[in-house]
Amino acid sequence: MLFERRGVPAAVICTEAFRASADAMAGVQGAPGYRYVTTPHPVAVLGPEEVRERAVQVLPAVVGLLVAGEGER
């Protein structure tokens, strides 16, 4: 959110286990309903190829967030 406030496009990615935390942080930052991308939990135990697969899976959603207009965020 800080990047976006400075005009730098950004996309937040978190695992599904952290949805409540992401929503809470967005509210604290004054951006309730902030859109972000989720991926299945956990990520830390994945190998490089598995992380690459996850990245490919979420890429369309990340691009969607980055090109969304400010009114859609």
N, C-alpha and C. Protein backbone atom coordinates (compact mmCIF):
# COMPACT_ATOMS: atom_id res chain seq x y z
N MET A 1 0.81 -1.19 0.00
CA MET A 1 0.00 0.00 0.00
C MET A 1 0.86 1.26 0.00
N LEU A 2 1.99 1.18 0.69
CA LEU A 2 2.87 2.35 0.71
C LEU A 2 3.43 2.63 -0.68
N PHE A 3 3.80 1.59 -1.41
CA PHE A 3 4.28 1.79 -2.78
C PHE A 3 3.19 2.46 -3.62
N GLU A 4 1.97 1.94 -3.54
CA GLU A 4 0.88 2.48 -4.34
C GLU A 4 0.60 3.94 -4.00
N ARG A 5 0.69 4.27 -2.72
CA ARG A 5 0.47 5.67 -2.32
C ARG A 5 1.52 6.59 -2.91
N ARG A 6 2.66 6.01 -3.28
CA ARG A 6 3.73 6.80 -3.90
C ARG A 6 3.73 6.65 -5.42
N GLY A 7 2.66 6.03 -5.95
CA GLY A 7 2.52 5.91 -7.39
C GLY A 7 3.22 4.72 -8.01
N VAL A 8 3.70 3.79 -7.19
CA VAL A 8 4.38 2.60 -7.70
C VAL A 8 3.39 1.43 -7.67
N PRO A 9 3.05 0.88 -8.83
CA PRO A 9 2.13 -0.26 -8.84
C PRO A 9 2.68 -1.42 -8.01
N ALA A 10 1.80 -2.07 -7.27
CA ALA A 10 2.21 -3.18 -6.42
C ALA A 10 1.06 -4.16 -6.28
N ALA A 11 1.40 -5.41 -5.97
CA ALA A 11 0.39 -6.44 -5.74
C ALA A 11 0.82 -7.24 -4.52
N VAL A 12 -0.08 -7.40 -3.58
CA VAL A 12 0.18 -8.18 -2.38
C VAL A 12 -0.20 -9.63 -2.66
N ILE A 13 0.68 -10.55 -2.26
CA ILE A 13 0.42 -11.98 -2.37
C ILE A 13 0.62 -12.57 -0.99
N CYS A 14 -0.37 -13.31 -0.51
CA CYS A 14 -0.22 -14.00 0.78
C CYS A 14 -0.91 -15.35 0.69
N THR A 15 -0.59 -16.21 1.64
CA THR A 15 -1.25 -17.50 1.64
C THR A 15 -2.63 -17.37 2.26
N GLU A 16 -3.49 -18.33 1.94
CA GLU A 16 -4.86 -18.31 2.42
C GLU A 16 -4.94 -18.25 3.95
N ALA A 17 -3.95 -18.81 4.61
CA ALA A 17 -3.94 -18.80 6.08
C ALA A 17 -3.80 -17.40 6.65
N PHE A 18 -3.37 -16.45 5.84
CA PHE A 18 -3.14 -15.09 6.33
C PHE A 18 -4.19 -14.09 5.84
N ARG A 19 -5.32 -14.57 5.32
CA ARG A 19 -6.38 -13.68 4.86
C ARG A 19 -6.84 -12.73 5.97
N ALA A 20 -7.12 -13.27 7.14
CA ALA A 20 -7.62 -12.42 8.24
C ALA A 20 -6.58 -11.34 8.59
N SER A 21 -5.31 -11.72 8.62
CA SER A 21 -4.26 -10.75 8.92
C SER A 21 -4.15 -9.70 7.81
N ALA A 22 -4.24 -10.12 6.57
CA ALA A 22 -4.16 -9.18 5.45
C ALA A 22 -5.33 -8.20 5.50
N ASP A 23 -6.53 -8.72 5.76
CA ASP A 23 -7.70 -7.83 5.85
C ASP A 23 -7.56 -6.85 7.02
N ALA A 24 -7.07 -7.35 8.15
CA ALA A 24 -6.88 -6.48 9.32
C ALA A 24 -5.85 -5.39 9.02
N MET A 25 -4.74 -5.77 8.41
CA MET A 25 -3.71 -4.78 8.10
C MET A 25 -4.22 -3.74 7.10
N ALA A 26 -5.00 -4.18 6.13
CA ALA A 26 -5.57 -3.23 5.17
C ALA A 26 -6.47 -2.24 5.91
N GLY A 27 -7.27 -2.73 6.84
CA GLY A 27 -8.13 -1.84 7.62
C GLY A 27 -7.33 -0.85 8.43
N VAL A 28 -6.27 -1.31 9.06
CA VAL A 28 -5.41 -0.44 9.87
C VAL A 28 -4.76 0.64 8.99
N GLN A 29 -4.45 0.27 7.76
CA GLN A 29 -3.81 1.22 6.84
C GLN A 29 -4.83 2.13 6.14
N GLY A 30 -6.09 1.99 6.52
CA GLY A 30 -7.11 2.85 5.92
C GLY A 30 -7.59 2.39 4.56
N ALA A 31 -7.43 1.10 4.27
CA ALA A 31 -7.84 0.58 2.97
C ALA A 31 -8.68 -0.69 3.13
N PRO A 32 -9.81 -0.60 3.85
CA PRO A 32 -10.65 -1.80 4.00
C PRO A 32 -11.10 -2.29 2.63
N GLY A 33 -11.13 -3.59 2.45
CA GLY A 33 -11.51 -4.16 1.16
C GLY A 33 -10.39 -4.20 0.15
N TYR A 34 -9.17 -3.87 0.58
CA TYR A 34 -8.01 -3.89 -0.31
C TYR A 34 -7.89 -5.26 -0.96
N ARG A 35 -7.70 -5.28 -2.26
CA ARG A 35 -7.60 -6.55 -2.99
C ARG A 35 -6.18 -7.06 -3.01
N TYR A 36 -6.06 -8.36 -2.83
CA TYR A 36 -4.76 -9.03 -2.86
C TYR A 36 -4.96 -10.42 -3.42
N VAL A 37 -3.87 -11.09 -3.71
CA VAL A 37 -3.90 -12.43 -4.29
C VAL A 37 -3.51 -13.43 -3.21
N THR A 38 -4.20 -14.57 -3.19
CA THR A 38 -3.83 -15.61 -2.25
C THR A 38 -3.36 -16.85 -2.98
N THR A 39 -2.57 -17.62 -2.27
CA THR A 39 -2.08 -18.90 -2.75
C THR A 39 -2.23 -19.89 -1.61
N PRO A 40 -2.32 -21.18 -1.90
CA PRO A 40 -2.46 -22.15 -0.82
C PRO A 40 -1.30 -22.09 0.18
N HIS A 41 -1.61 -22.44 1.39
CA HIS A 41 -0.64 -22.47 2.49
C HIS A 41 -0.18 -23.91 2.68
N PRO A 42 1.06 -24.15 3.01
CA PRO A 42 2.18 -23.24 3.22
C PRO A 42 3.00 -23.04 1.95
N VAL A 43 3.90 -22.08 2.01
CA VAL A 43 4.82 -21.82 0.92
C VAL A 43 6.25 -22.14 1.34
N ALA A 44 6.57 -21.92 2.60
CA ALA A 44 7.94 -22.05 3.09
C ALA A 44 8.53 -23.44 2.87
N VAL A 45 7.71 -24.46 2.79
CA VAL A 45 8.22 -25.83 2.65
C VAL A 45 8.39 -26.25 1.19
N LEU A 46 8.02 -25.39 0.26
CA LEU A 46 8.09 -25.73 -1.16
C LEU A 46 9.51 -25.61 -1.70
N GLY A 47 9.80 -26.46 -2.67
CA GLY A 47 11.07 -26.36 -3.38
C GLY A 47 10.97 -25.32 -4.48
N PRO A 48 12.09 -25.02 -5.12
CA PRO A 48 12.11 -23.99 -6.17
C PRO A 48 11.10 -24.24 -7.30
N GLU A 49 10.99 -25.47 -7.76
CA GLU A 49 10.06 -25.75 -8.85
C GLU A 49 8.60 -25.58 -8.39
N GLU A 50 8.31 -25.97 -7.17
CA GLU A 50 6.95 -25.80 -6.64
C GLU A 50 6.60 -24.32 -6.47
N VAL A 51 7.56 -23.53 -6.05
CA VAL A 51 7.33 -22.08 -5.93
C VAL A 51 7.09 -21.50 -7.31
N ARG A 52 7.86 -21.95 -8.28
CA ARG A 52 7.67 -21.48 -9.66
C ARG A 52 6.26 -21.82 -10.15
N GLU A 53 5.79 -23.02 -9.85
CA GLU A 53 4.43 -23.43 -10.25
C GLU A 53 3.38 -22.53 -9.60
N ARG A 54 3.57 -22.23 -8.32
CA ARG A 54 2.63 -21.33 -7.63
C ARG A 54 2.64 -19.95 -8.27
N ALA A 55 3.82 -19.48 -8.62
CA ALA A 55 3.93 -18.17 -9.25
C ALA A 55 3.18 -18.14 -10.57
N VAL A 56 3.31 -19.18 -11.35
CA VAL A 56 2.60 -19.26 -12.63
C VAL A 56 1.09 -19.27 -12.38
N GLN A 57 0.65 -19.96 -11.35
CA GLN A 57 -0.77 -20.03 -11.03
C GLN A 57 -1.36 -18.67 -10.66
N VAL A 58 -0.63 -17.88 -9.90
CA VAL A 58 -1.17 -16.59 -9.44
C VAL A 58 -0.85 -15.43 -10.38
N LEU A 59 -0.01 -15.66 -11.36
CA LEU A 59 0.40 -14.58 -12.26
C LEU A 59 -0.77 -13.82 -12.89
N PRO A 60 -1.78 -14.49 -13.44
CA PRO A 60 -2.88 -13.72 -14.02
C PRO A 60 -3.58 -12.80 -13.01
N ALA A 61 -3.74 -13.26 -11.79
CA ALA A 61 -4.38 -12.43 -10.76
C ALA A 61 -3.49 -11.26 -10.38
N VAL A 62 -2.19 -11.48 -10.31
CA VAL A 62 -1.25 -10.41 -9.98
C VAL A 62 -1.28 -9.34 -11.08
N VAL A 63 -1.23 -9.77 -12.32
CA VAL A 63 -1.29 -8.82 -13.43
C VAL A 63 -2.61 -8.05 -13.37
N GLY A 64 -3.70 -8.75 -13.06
CA GLY A 64 -4.99 -8.09 -12.94
C GLY A 64 -4.98 -6.99 -11.91
N LEU A 65 -4.35 -7.23 -10.76
CA LEU A 65 -4.25 -6.20 -9.73
C LEU A 65 -3.40 -5.03 -10.20
N LEU A 66 -2.31 -5.34 -10.89
CA LEU A 66 -1.40 -4.28 -11.30
C LEU A 66 -2.01 -3.37 -12.36
N VAL A 67 -2.88 -3.90 -13.19
CA VAL A 67 -3.46 -3.06 -14.24
C VAL A 67 -4.82 -2.49 -13.85
N ALA A 68 -5.35 -2.91 -12.70
CA ALA A 68 -6.64 -2.40 -12.25
C ALA A 68 -6.54 -0.90 -11.98
N GLY A 69 -7.61 -0.22 -12.26
CA GLY A 69 -7.65 1.21 -11.95
C GLY A 69 -7.76 1.41 -10.46
N GLU A 70 -7.36 2.56 -9.98
CA GLU A 70 -7.40 2.86 -8.54
C GLU A 70 -8.79 2.68 -7.97
N GLY A 71 -9.81 2.96 -8.73
CA GLY A 71 -11.17 2.80 -8.25
C GLY A 71 -11.57 1.36 -8.02
N GLU A 72 -10.82 0.44 -8.62
CA GLU A 72 -11.13 -0.99 -8.48
C GLU A 72 -10.41 -1.61 -7.30
N ARG A 73 -9.47 -0.95 -6.71
CA ARG A 73 -8.66 -1.52 -5.63
C ARG A 73 -9.40 -1.50 -4.36
